[in-house]
Amino acid sequence: MERERGVRRARARVRAGDMRRLAAVFVERADAARGVGAGAGPPLPLDYSVASLRVVDFLVDGLRKGGTERQRADDQHPVDGALFGLGAYVGEVMVRRAGARWTDFDASQRAYFGQSVGVRMPDGRVWNPLGRVVNRFTVGPEASLQNFYLTLHGRRSDQAQGREPGRAPGRAPGDGRGRHTRTL
């Protein structure tokens, strides 16, 4: 019980300025857990792309296989730590791909979201990626993180990101690999 309170207090002290680093640490630890570089296989494709959110959905599904209890009987609470890392990663995808920025929540936002940080979109909307990951864990595939991003309000437009509408980054026109859009 005391460990749980300590974990909550530590997370309450997390600041917006810490989140990019925490996302990177999560990716490094995920690769280390897979034994990347030691012949165990390639790293997980956690490259901060929108497509990588599908990998995050699969990782959450793997955590769910152990049951929907977030806090295990041991003192380590590995599921909570993994969910926090995944939430930092999802938020960083929003920062890098949707034009969001990490923000420290004020007292009313902390009370509402149950987190100390979140992201603010270019249109001013505030989202809670840490809570979204917990929701994905609790609810299941219906709360897909990739679908959440794709239906996200307030994203920076494709034009603002310097590419044509609907075209994935790094894809040349007509190469057959990008999303195609149709204008009416």
N, C-alpha and C. Protein backbone atom coordinates (compact mmCIF):
# COMPACT_ATOMS: atom_id res chain seq x y z
N MET A 1 0.82 -1.18 0.00
CA MET A 1 0.00 0.00 0.00
C MET A 1 0.87 1.26 0.00
N GLU A 2 1.93 1.24 0.81
CA GLU A 2 2.83 2.39 0.87
C GLU A 2 3.54 2.58 -0.48
N ARG A 3 3.93 1.48 -1.12
CA ARG A 3 4.58 1.57 -2.45
C ARG A 3 3.62 2.20 -3.45
N GLU A 4 2.36 1.81 -3.41
CA GLU A 4 1.35 2.35 -4.32
C GLU A 4 1.23 3.87 -4.14
N ARG A 5 1.19 4.33 -2.91
CA ARG A 5 1.11 5.78 -2.66
C ARG A 5 2.37 6.48 -3.17
N GLY A 6 3.52 5.84 -3.00
CA GLY A 6 4.78 6.42 -3.50
C GLY A 6 4.79 6.53 -5.01
N VAL A 7 4.28 5.52 -5.70
CA VAL A 7 4.20 5.55 -7.16
C VAL A 7 3.26 6.67 -7.60
N ARG A 8 2.12 6.80 -6.94
CA ARG A 8 1.18 7.88 -7.29
C ARG A 8 1.80 9.25 -7.07
N ARG A 9 2.51 9.43 -5.95
CA ARG A 9 3.14 10.72 -5.68
C ARG A 9 4.21 11.03 -6.73
N ALA A 10 5.00 10.03 -7.11
CA ALA A 10 6.04 10.24 -8.12
C ALA A 10 5.42 10.64 -9.45
N ARG A 11 4.34 9.99 -9.83
CA ARG A 11 3.68 10.34 -11.10
C ARG A 11 3.02 11.70 -11.02
N ALA A 12 2.56 12.09 -9.85
CA ALA A 12 1.94 13.41 -9.68
C ALA A 12 2.97 14.51 -9.88
N ARG A 13 4.24 14.20 -9.65
CA ARG A 13 5.30 15.19 -9.81
C ARG A 13 5.84 15.26 -11.24
N VAL A 14 5.39 14.37 -12.11
CA VAL A 14 5.84 14.39 -13.50
C VAL A 14 5.39 15.69 -14.14
N ARG A 15 6.29 16.30 -14.86
CA ARG A 15 6.01 17.58 -15.50
C ARG A 15 5.99 17.40 -17.02
N ALA A 16 5.34 18.31 -17.70
CA ALA A 16 5.24 18.26 -19.16
C ALA A 16 6.63 18.17 -19.80
N GLY A 17 7.59 18.90 -19.24
CA GLY A 17 8.95 18.88 -19.78
C GLY A 17 9.65 17.55 -19.67
N ASP A 18 9.12 16.63 -18.87
CA ASP A 18 9.73 15.30 -18.68
C ASP A 18 9.23 14.27 -19.69
N MET A 19 8.12 14.55 -20.34
CA MET A 19 7.41 13.50 -21.07
C MET A 19 8.13 12.99 -22.31
N ARG A 20 8.78 13.84 -23.06
CA ARG A 20 9.52 13.37 -24.25
C ARG A 20 10.59 12.37 -23.83
N ARG A 21 11.32 12.72 -22.77
CA ARG A 21 12.37 11.83 -22.26
C ARG A 21 11.77 10.52 -21.75
N LEU A 22 10.64 10.59 -21.04
CA LEU A 22 10.02 9.38 -20.51
C LEU A 22 9.52 8.46 -21.63
N ALA A 23 9.03 9.05 -22.72
CA ALA A 23 8.63 8.24 -23.87
C ALA A 23 9.84 7.53 -24.47
N ALA A 24 10.95 8.26 -24.61
CA ALA A 24 12.17 7.67 -25.17
C ALA A 24 12.71 6.56 -24.27
N VAL A 25 12.67 6.77 -22.96
CA VAL A 25 13.11 5.75 -22.01
C VAL A 25 12.23 4.50 -22.15
N PHE A 26 10.92 4.70 -22.32
CA PHE A 26 10.03 3.55 -22.50
C PHE A 26 10.43 2.75 -23.74
N VAL A 27 10.68 3.43 -24.85
CA VAL A 27 11.05 2.73 -26.09
C VAL A 27 12.36 1.97 -25.88
N GLU A 28 13.35 2.60 -25.23
CA GLU A 28 14.63 1.93 -24.96
C GLU A 28 14.42 0.69 -24.10
N ARG A 29 13.60 0.80 -23.09
CA ARG A 29 13.36 -0.34 -22.19
C ARG A 29 12.59 -1.45 -22.91
N ALA A 30 11.66 -1.08 -23.77
CA ALA A 30 10.92 -2.10 -24.53
C ALA A 30 11.87 -2.87 -25.43
N ASP A 31 12.80 -2.16 -26.07
CA ASP A 31 13.79 -2.83 -26.91
C ASP A 31 14.72 -3.70 -26.07
N ALA A 32 15.13 -3.20 -24.91
CA ALA A 32 16.02 -3.98 -24.04
C ALA A 32 15.32 -5.24 -23.55
N ALA A 33 14.04 -5.15 -23.26
CA ALA A 33 13.29 -6.31 -22.79
C ALA A 33 13.19 -7.38 -23.87
N ARG A 34 13.20 -6.96 -25.12
CA ARG A 34 13.16 -7.91 -26.23
C ARG A 34 14.55 -8.46 -26.54
N GLY A 35 15.57 -7.91 -25.91
CA GLY A 35 16.92 -8.37 -26.17
C GLY A 35 17.48 -7.84 -27.48
N VAL A 36 16.99 -6.69 -27.92
CA VAL A 36 17.47 -6.11 -29.17
C VAL A 36 18.97 -5.90 -29.08
N GLY A 37 19.65 -6.29 -30.12
CA GLY A 37 21.10 -6.17 -30.14
C GLY A 37 21.79 -7.40 -29.60
N ALA A 38 21.03 -8.29 -28.99
CA ALA A 38 21.61 -9.52 -28.44
C ALA A 38 21.12 -10.73 -29.24
N GLY A 39 20.64 -10.48 -30.45
CA GLY A 39 20.21 -11.58 -31.32
C GLY A 39 18.79 -12.05 -31.08
N ALA A 40 18.02 -11.40 -30.24
CA ALA A 40 16.66 -11.85 -29.95
C ALA A 40 15.65 -11.38 -30.98
N GLY A 41 16.01 -10.44 -31.79
CA GLY A 41 15.08 -9.97 -32.80
C GLY A 41 15.18 -8.47 -32.99
N PRO A 42 14.46 -8.00 -33.99
CA PRO A 42 14.51 -6.56 -34.26
C PRO A 42 13.74 -5.77 -33.21
N PRO A 43 14.01 -4.49 -33.14
CA PRO A 43 13.26 -3.67 -32.18
C PRO A 43 11.79 -3.59 -32.57
N LEU A 44 10.96 -3.28 -31.61
CA LEU A 44 9.56 -3.02 -31.92
C LEU A 44 9.50 -1.78 -32.80
N PRO A 45 8.58 -1.73 -33.74
CA PRO A 45 8.50 -0.55 -34.61
C PRO A 45 7.84 0.63 -33.91
N LEU A 46 8.46 1.08 -32.84
CA LEU A 46 7.98 2.25 -32.10
C LEU A 46 8.76 3.46 -32.57
N ASP A 47 8.35 4.00 -33.73
CA ASP A 47 9.06 5.09 -34.38
C ASP A 47 8.29 6.41 -34.32
N TYR A 48 7.32 6.49 -33.43
CA TYR A 48 6.50 7.69 -33.23
C TYR A 48 5.63 8.02 -34.45
N SER A 49 5.38 7.03 -35.28
CA SER A 49 4.48 7.22 -36.42
C SER A 49 3.05 6.91 -35.97
N VAL A 50 2.10 7.36 -36.75
CA VAL A 50 0.70 7.04 -36.47
C VAL A 50 0.49 5.53 -36.56
N ALA A 51 1.14 4.89 -37.53
CA ALA A 51 1.02 3.43 -37.69
C ALA A 51 1.53 2.69 -36.46
N SER A 52 2.50 3.26 -35.73
CA SER A 52 3.03 2.58 -34.55
C SER A 52 2.00 2.49 -33.43
N LEU A 53 0.94 3.28 -33.50
CA LEU A 53 -0.11 3.19 -32.48
C LEU A 53 -0.82 1.84 -32.54
N ARG A 54 -0.79 1.19 -33.70
CA ARG A 54 -1.33 -0.17 -33.82
C ARG A 54 -0.48 -1.13 -32.97
N VAL A 55 0.83 -0.91 -32.98
CA VAL A 55 1.72 -1.72 -32.15
C VAL A 55 1.38 -1.50 -30.68
N VAL A 56 1.13 -0.25 -30.31
CA VAL A 56 0.75 0.06 -28.93
C VAL A 56 -0.53 -0.68 -28.57
N ASP A 57 -1.51 -0.69 -29.48
CA ASP A 57 -2.74 -1.46 -29.23
C ASP A 57 -2.42 -2.93 -28.96
N PHE A 58 -1.52 -3.51 -29.76
CA PHE A 58 -1.13 -4.91 -29.56
C PHE A 58 -0.42 -5.12 -28.23
N LEU A 59 0.44 -4.18 -27.85
CA LEU A 59 1.12 -4.29 -26.57
C LEU A 59 0.13 -4.25 -25.40
N VAL A 60 -0.86 -3.37 -25.50
CA VAL A 60 -1.88 -3.31 -24.44
C VAL A 60 -2.67 -4.61 -24.41
N ASP A 61 -2.97 -5.17 -25.58
CA ASP A 61 -3.67 -6.47 -25.62
C ASP A 61 -2.84 -7.54 -24.91
N GLY A 62 -1.53 -7.51 -25.10
CA GLY A 62 -0.66 -8.46 -24.42
C GLY A 62 -0.72 -8.31 -22.91
N LEU A 63 -0.77 -7.07 -22.44
CA LEU A 63 -0.90 -6.83 -21.00
C LEU A 63 -2.25 -7.33 -20.49
N ARG A 64 -3.29 -7.16 -21.31
CA ARG A 64 -4.64 -7.60 -20.92
C ARG A 64 -4.73 -9.11 -20.76
N LYS A 65 -3.91 -9.85 -21.48
CA LYS A 65 -3.98 -11.31 -21.41
C LYS A 65 -3.73 -11.83 -20.00
N GLY A 66 -3.02 -11.04 -19.21
CA GLY A 66 -2.78 -11.41 -17.81
C GLY A 66 -3.96 -11.08 -16.92
N GLY A 67 -5.04 -10.56 -17.49
CA GLY A 67 -6.22 -10.17 -16.72
C GLY A 67 -6.34 -8.66 -16.70
N THR A 68 -7.51 -8.17 -16.35
CA THR A 68 -7.73 -6.73 -16.37
C THR A 68 -7.40 -6.06 -15.05
N GLU A 69 -6.75 -6.78 -14.16
CA GLU A 69 -6.30 -6.17 -12.90
C GLU A 69 -5.04 -5.36 -13.17
N ARG A 70 -5.11 -4.06 -13.01
CA ARG A 70 -3.95 -3.20 -13.25
C ARG A 70 -2.88 -3.41 -12.21
N GLN A 71 -3.27 -3.66 -10.99
CA GLN A 71 -2.28 -3.80 -9.94
C GLN A 71 -2.20 -5.26 -9.52
N ARG A 72 -1.04 -5.81 -9.71
CA ARG A 72 -0.81 -7.22 -9.38
C ARG A 72 -0.55 -7.39 -7.89
N ALA A 73 -0.46 -8.63 -7.48
CA ALA A 73 -0.26 -8.92 -6.06
C ALA A 73 1.14 -8.51 -5.58
N ASP A 74 2.12 -8.48 -6.50
CA ASP A 74 3.46 -8.12 -6.06
C ASP A 74 3.58 -6.61 -5.87
N ASP A 75 4.72 -6.18 -5.38
CA ASP A 75 4.93 -4.75 -5.08
C ASP A 75 5.42 -3.95 -6.28
N GLN A 76 5.67 -4.57 -7.40
CA GLN A 76 6.28 -3.87 -8.52
C GLN A 76 5.26 -3.19 -9.43
N HIS A 77 4.05 -3.63 -9.49
CA HIS A 77 3.01 -3.06 -10.35
C HIS A 77 3.50 -2.87 -11.78
N PRO A 78 3.97 -3.95 -12.43
CA PRO A 78 4.55 -3.79 -13.77
C PRO A 78 3.54 -3.30 -14.80
N VAL A 79 2.28 -3.63 -14.64
CA VAL A 79 1.28 -3.20 -15.62
C VAL A 79 1.10 -1.70 -15.56
N ASP A 80 1.00 -1.13 -14.36
CA ASP A 80 0.85 0.32 -14.24
C ASP A 80 2.04 1.05 -14.87
N GLY A 81 3.25 0.56 -14.62
CA GLY A 81 4.43 1.19 -15.21
C GLY A 81 4.44 1.11 -16.72
N ALA A 82 4.05 -0.03 -17.25
CA ALA A 82 3.98 -0.18 -18.71
C ALA A 82 2.91 0.72 -19.30
N LEU A 83 1.77 0.81 -18.64
CA LEU A 83 0.70 1.69 -19.15
C LEU A 83 1.15 3.15 -19.14
N PHE A 84 1.87 3.55 -18.10
CA PHE A 84 2.37 4.92 -18.04
C PHE A 84 3.34 5.18 -19.20
N GLY A 85 4.26 4.24 -19.43
CA GLY A 85 5.21 4.38 -20.54
C GLY A 85 4.51 4.43 -21.88
N LEU A 86 3.51 3.58 -22.06
CA LEU A 86 2.75 3.59 -23.31
C LEU A 86 1.99 4.90 -23.47
N GLY A 87 1.46 5.43 -22.37
CA GLY A 87 0.77 6.72 -22.43
C GLY A 87 1.71 7.85 -22.81
N ALA A 88 2.92 7.83 -22.27
CA ALA A 88 3.92 8.84 -22.65
C ALA A 88 4.24 8.73 -24.13
N TYR A 89 4.34 7.49 -24.62
CA TYR A 89 4.62 7.27 -26.04
C TYR A 89 3.47 7.80 -26.92
N VAL A 90 2.23 7.47 -26.56
CA VAL A 90 1.07 7.94 -27.34
C VAL A 90 1.03 9.46 -27.36
N GLY A 91 1.27 10.09 -26.22
CA GLY A 91 1.30 11.54 -26.18
C GLY A 91 2.40 12.12 -27.05
N GLU A 92 3.54 11.46 -27.08
CA GLU A 92 4.64 11.94 -27.91
C GLU A 92 4.33 11.79 -29.39
N VAL A 93 3.58 10.75 -29.76
CA VAL A 93 3.12 10.64 -31.15
C VAL A 93 2.22 11.82 -31.48
N MET A 94 1.34 12.19 -30.55
CA MET A 94 0.46 13.34 -30.77
C MET A 94 1.27 14.62 -30.91
N VAL A 95 2.33 14.76 -30.14
CA VAL A 95 3.19 15.94 -30.23
C VAL A 95 3.89 15.99 -31.59
N ARG A 96 4.47 14.87 -31.98
CA ARG A 96 5.27 14.86 -33.22
C ARG A 96 4.43 14.85 -34.48
N ARG A 97 3.27 14.23 -34.43
CA ARG A 97 2.48 14.05 -35.67
C ARG A 97 1.27 14.96 -35.78
N ALA A 98 0.72 15.38 -34.66
CA ALA A 98 -0.52 16.17 -34.72
C ALA A 98 -0.32 17.62 -34.32
N GLY A 99 0.91 17.99 -33.97
CA GLY A 99 1.17 19.37 -33.61
C GLY A 99 0.80 19.71 -32.18
N ALA A 100 0.57 18.71 -31.35
CA ALA A 100 0.24 18.95 -29.94
C ALA A 100 1.50 19.38 -29.19
N ARG A 101 1.31 19.81 -27.95
CA ARG A 101 2.44 20.08 -27.07
C ARG A 101 2.06 19.58 -25.68
N TRP A 102 3.07 19.08 -24.98
CA TRP A 102 2.84 18.62 -23.62
C TRP A 102 2.48 19.83 -22.76
N THR A 103 1.56 19.62 -21.82
CA THR A 103 1.15 20.70 -20.93
C THR A 103 0.94 20.16 -19.52
N ASP A 104 1.28 20.97 -18.54
CA ASP A 104 0.98 20.63 -17.15
C ASP A 104 -0.47 20.98 -16.89
N PHE A 105 -1.21 20.05 -16.33
CA PHE A 105 -2.60 20.31 -16.02
C PHE A 105 -2.72 21.21 -14.80
N ASP A 106 -3.74 22.06 -14.81
CA ASP A 106 -4.04 22.85 -13.62
C ASP A 106 -4.81 21.95 -12.64
N ALA A 107 -5.14 22.47 -11.47
CA ALA A 107 -5.77 21.66 -10.41
C ALA A 107 -7.08 21.04 -10.87
N SER A 108 -7.91 21.78 -11.58
CA SER A 108 -9.20 21.22 -12.01
C SER A 108 -9.00 20.14 -13.07
N GLN A 109 -8.04 20.33 -13.96
CA GLN A 109 -7.75 19.30 -14.97
C GLN A 109 -7.15 18.05 -14.32
N ARG A 110 -6.28 18.24 -13.33
CA ARG A 110 -5.72 17.08 -12.62
C ARG A 110 -6.82 16.28 -11.95
N ALA A 111 -7.78 16.99 -11.34
CA ALA A 111 -8.90 16.31 -10.68
C ALA A 111 -9.75 15.57 -11.70
N TYR A 112 -9.98 16.18 -12.85
CA TYR A 112 -10.83 15.58 -13.87
C TYR A 112 -10.16 14.38 -14.55
N PHE A 113 -8.89 14.58 -14.98
CA PHE A 113 -8.19 13.54 -15.73
C PHE A 113 -7.48 12.52 -14.85
N GLY A 114 -7.18 12.88 -13.62
CA GLY A 114 -6.43 11.97 -12.75
C GLY A 114 -4.97 11.88 -13.12
N GLN A 115 -4.46 12.83 -13.87
CA GLN A 115 -3.06 12.87 -14.30
C GLN A 115 -2.55 14.29 -14.11
N SER A 116 -1.23 14.42 -14.06
CA SER A 116 -0.65 15.76 -13.89
C SER A 116 -0.30 16.42 -15.22
N VAL A 117 -0.23 15.64 -16.29
CA VAL A 117 0.13 16.18 -17.60
C VAL A 117 -0.78 15.63 -18.68
N GLY A 118 -0.80 16.34 -19.79
CA GLY A 118 -1.54 15.91 -20.97
C GLY A 118 -0.98 16.65 -22.16
N VAL A 119 -1.75 16.67 -23.25
CA VAL A 119 -1.31 17.40 -24.43
C VAL A 119 -2.37 18.42 -24.83
N ARG A 120 -1.90 19.53 -25.37
CA ARG A 120 -2.80 20.57 -25.89
C ARG A 120 -2.62 20.58 -27.39
N MET A 121 -3.75 20.48 -28.11
CA MET A 121 -3.74 20.46 -29.56
C MET A 121 -3.62 21.88 -30.10
N PRO A 122 -3.29 22.02 -31.39
CA PRO A 122 -3.17 23.36 -31.97
C PRO A 122 -4.44 24.20 -31.85
N ASP A 123 -5.61 23.55 -31.78
CA ASP A 123 -6.86 24.32 -31.65
C ASP A 123 -7.20 24.63 -30.20
N GLY A 124 -6.33 24.23 -29.25
CA GLY A 124 -6.54 24.53 -27.84
C GLY A 124 -7.16 23.41 -27.03
N ARG A 125 -7.65 22.37 -27.69
CA ARG A 125 -8.25 21.25 -26.94
C ARG A 125 -7.17 20.52 -26.15
N VAL A 126 -7.57 19.99 -25.02
CA VAL A 126 -6.66 19.25 -24.15
C VAL A 126 -7.07 17.78 -24.15
N TRP A 127 -6.08 16.90 -24.29
CA TRP A 127 -6.32 15.46 -24.29
C TRP A 127 -5.42 14.80 -23.26
N ASN A 128 -5.82 13.62 -22.83
CA ASN A 128 -5.14 12.87 -21.78
C ASN A 128 -4.66 11.53 -22.34
N PRO A 129 -3.50 11.47 -23.00
CA PRO A 129 -3.05 10.20 -23.57
C PRO A 129 -2.75 9.14 -22.52
N LEU A 130 -2.31 9.55 -21.33
CA LEU A 130 -2.05 8.56 -20.27
C LEU A 130 -3.35 7.86 -19.89
N GLY A 131 -4.40 8.62 -19.72
CA GLY A 131 -5.71 8.06 -19.40
C GLY A 131 -6.29 7.25 -20.54
N ARG A 132 -6.01 7.66 -21.78
CA ARG A 132 -6.51 6.91 -22.95
C ARG A 132 -5.93 5.51 -22.97
N VAL A 133 -4.66 5.38 -22.62
CA VAL A 133 -4.03 4.05 -22.60
C VAL A 133 -4.64 3.19 -21.49
N VAL A 134 -4.88 3.77 -20.34
CA VAL A 134 -5.54 3.03 -19.25
C VAL A 134 -6.93 2.59 -19.70
N ASN A 135 -7.65 3.48 -20.38
CA ASN A 135 -8.97 3.15 -20.90
C ASN A 135 -8.89 2.00 -21.91
N ARG A 136 -7.88 2.02 -22.77
CA ARG A 136 -7.68 0.95 -23.75
C ARG A 136 -7.46 -0.37 -23.04
N PHE A 137 -6.70 -0.35 -21.97
CA PHE A 137 -6.44 -1.55 -21.18
C PHE A 137 -7.73 -2.06 -20.55
N THR A 138 -8.51 -1.17 -19.99
CA THR A 138 -9.73 -1.55 -19.27
C THR A 138 -10.84 -2.00 -20.21
N VAL A 139 -11.07 -1.24 -21.29
CA VAL A 139 -12.19 -1.50 -22.19
C VAL A 139 -11.87 -2.55 -23.23
N GLY A 140 -10.66 -2.51 -23.78
CA GLY A 140 -10.28 -3.46 -24.80
C GLY A 140 -10.20 -2.82 -26.18
N PRO A 141 -10.24 -3.66 -27.22
CA PRO A 141 -10.03 -3.18 -28.60
C PRO A 141 -11.00 -2.08 -29.05
N GLU A 142 -12.16 -1.99 -28.43
CA GLU A 142 -13.10 -0.94 -28.81
C GLU A 142 -12.52 0.45 -28.56
N ALA A 143 -11.54 0.55 -27.69
CA ALA A 143 -10.91 1.83 -27.35
C ALA A 143 -9.54 1.95 -28.02
N SER A 144 -9.45 1.48 -29.26
CA SER A 144 -8.19 1.49 -30.01
C SER A 144 -7.52 2.86 -29.99
N LEU A 145 -6.23 2.85 -29.72
CA LEU A 145 -5.45 4.09 -29.68
C LEU A 145 -5.19 4.62 -31.08
N GLN A 146 -5.02 3.72 -32.04
CA GLN A 146 -4.84 4.17 -33.41
C GLN A 146 -6.12 4.84 -33.92
N ASN A 147 -7.27 4.24 -33.65
CA ASN A 147 -8.53 4.86 -34.05
C ASN A 147 -8.75 6.19 -33.33
N PHE A 148 -8.37 6.26 -32.07
CA PHE A 148 -8.46 7.51 -31.32
C PHE A 148 -7.69 8.60 -32.06
N TYR A 149 -6.46 8.32 -32.44
CA TYR A 149 -5.66 9.32 -33.13
C TYR A 149 -6.30 9.72 -34.46
N LEU A 150 -6.76 8.73 -35.23
CA LEU A 150 -7.30 9.01 -36.56
C LEU A 150 -8.59 9.82 -36.51
N THR A 151 -9.29 9.78 -35.39
CA THR A 151 -10.53 10.56 -35.25
C THR A 151 -10.34 11.77 -34.35
N LEU A 152 -9.11 12.07 -34.03
CA LEU A 152 -8.77 13.14 -33.09
C LEU A 152 -9.12 14.51 -33.65
N HIS A 153 -9.84 15.27 -32.88
CA HIS A 153 -10.17 16.65 -33.25
C HIS A 153 -9.00 17.55 -32.88
N GLY A 154 -8.80 18.58 -33.67
CA GLY A 154 -7.81 19.58 -33.34
C GLY A 154 -6.42 19.29 -33.85
N ARG A 155 -6.27 18.23 -34.69
CA ARG A 155 -4.95 17.93 -35.23
C ARG A 155 -4.51 19.02 -36.20
N ARG A 156 -3.21 19.18 -36.30
CA ARG A 156 -2.63 20.05 -37.30
C ARG A 156 -2.96 19.44 -38.67
N SER A 157 -3.28 20.26 -39.63
CA SER A 157 -3.67 19.76 -40.94
C SER A 157 -2.46 19.20 -41.68
N ASP A 158 -2.73 18.38 -42.70
CA ASP A 158 -1.65 17.85 -43.53
C ASP A 158 -0.84 18.97 -44.18
N GLN A 159 -1.52 20.03 -44.62
CA GLN A 159 -0.81 21.13 -45.25
C GLN A 159 0.16 21.78 -44.28
N ALA A 160 -0.25 21.93 -43.03
CA ALA A 160 0.63 22.55 -42.03
C ALA A 160 1.84 21.67 -41.74
N GLN A 161 1.72 20.36 -42.01
CA GLN A 161 2.83 19.45 -41.80
C GLN A 161 3.74 19.39 -43.03
N GLY A 162 3.39 20.17 -44.08
CA GLY A 162 4.24 20.24 -45.25
C GLY A 162 4.07 19.10 -46.24
N ARG A 163 2.88 18.52 -46.32
CA ARG A 163 2.66 17.48 -47.31
C ARG A 163 1.25 17.59 -47.86
N GLU A 164 1.01 16.88 -48.93
CA GLU A 164 -0.29 16.93 -49.56
C GLU A 164 -1.31 16.19 -48.70
N PRO A 165 -2.58 16.60 -48.75
CA PRO A 165 -3.61 15.93 -47.94
C PRO A 165 -3.65 14.43 -48.20
N GLY A 166 -3.69 13.66 -47.12
CA GLY A 166 -3.83 12.21 -47.23
C GLY A 166 -2.56 11.46 -47.55
N ARG A 167 -1.46 12.14 -47.85
CA ARG A 167 -0.24 11.46 -48.21
C ARG A 167 0.61 11.24 -46.97
N ALA A 168 1.05 10.02 -46.81
CA ALA A 168 1.91 9.70 -45.68
C ALA A 168 3.26 10.39 -45.86
N PRO A 169 3.95 10.70 -44.77
CA PRO A 169 5.25 11.35 -44.89
C PRO A 169 6.22 10.48 -45.67
N GLY A 170 7.02 11.11 -46.52
CA GLY A 170 8.06 10.40 -47.25
C GLY A 170 7.56 9.62 -48.45
N ARG A 171 6.32 9.76 -48.82
CA ARG A 171 5.78 9.03 -49.96
C ARG A 171 5.68 9.96 -51.16
N ALA A 172 6.16 9.48 -52.28
CA ALA A 172 6.10 10.28 -53.49
C ALA A 172 4.73 10.15 -54.13
N PRO A 173 4.29 11.18 -54.85
CA PRO A 173 3.01 11.09 -55.54
C PRO A 173 3.00 9.89 -56.49
N GLY A 174 1.93 9.13 -56.46
CA GLY A 174 1.75 8.01 -57.38
C GLY A 174 2.60 6.80 -57.09
N ASP A 175 3.23 6.70 -55.93
CA ASP A 175 4.06 5.52 -55.67
C ASP A 175 3.23 4.32 -55.22
N GLY A 176 1.92 4.54 -55.04
CA GLY A 176 1.03 3.43 -54.72
C GLY A 176 1.06 2.99 -53.27
N ARG A 177 1.90 3.61 -52.45
CA ARG A 177 1.99 3.19 -51.07
C ARG A 177 1.25 4.10 -50.12
N GLY A 178 0.97 5.33 -50.50
CA GLY A 178 0.32 6.28 -49.62
C GLY A 178 -1.20 6.15 -49.67
N ARG A 179 -1.88 6.80 -48.72
CA ARG A 179 -3.34 6.86 -48.75
C ARG A 179 -3.75 7.73 -49.90
N HIS A 180 -4.80 7.38 -50.55
CA HIS A 180 -5.31 8.19 -51.65
C HIS A 180 -6.58 8.87 -51.22
N THR A 181 -6.72 10.11 -51.59
CA THR A 181 -7.93 10.83 -51.29
C THR A 181 -8.62 11.19 -52.59
N ARG A 182 -9.89 11.39 -52.50
CA ARG A 182 -10.66 11.73 -53.67
C ARG A 182 -11.40 13.03 -53.37
N THR A 183 -11.32 13.96 -54.27
CA THR A 183 -12.07 15.19 -54.09
C THR A 183 -13.32 15.14 -54.93
N LEU A 184 -14.39 15.64 -54.38
CA LEU A 184 -15.66 15.65 -55.11
C LEU A 184 -15.94 16.99 -55.70
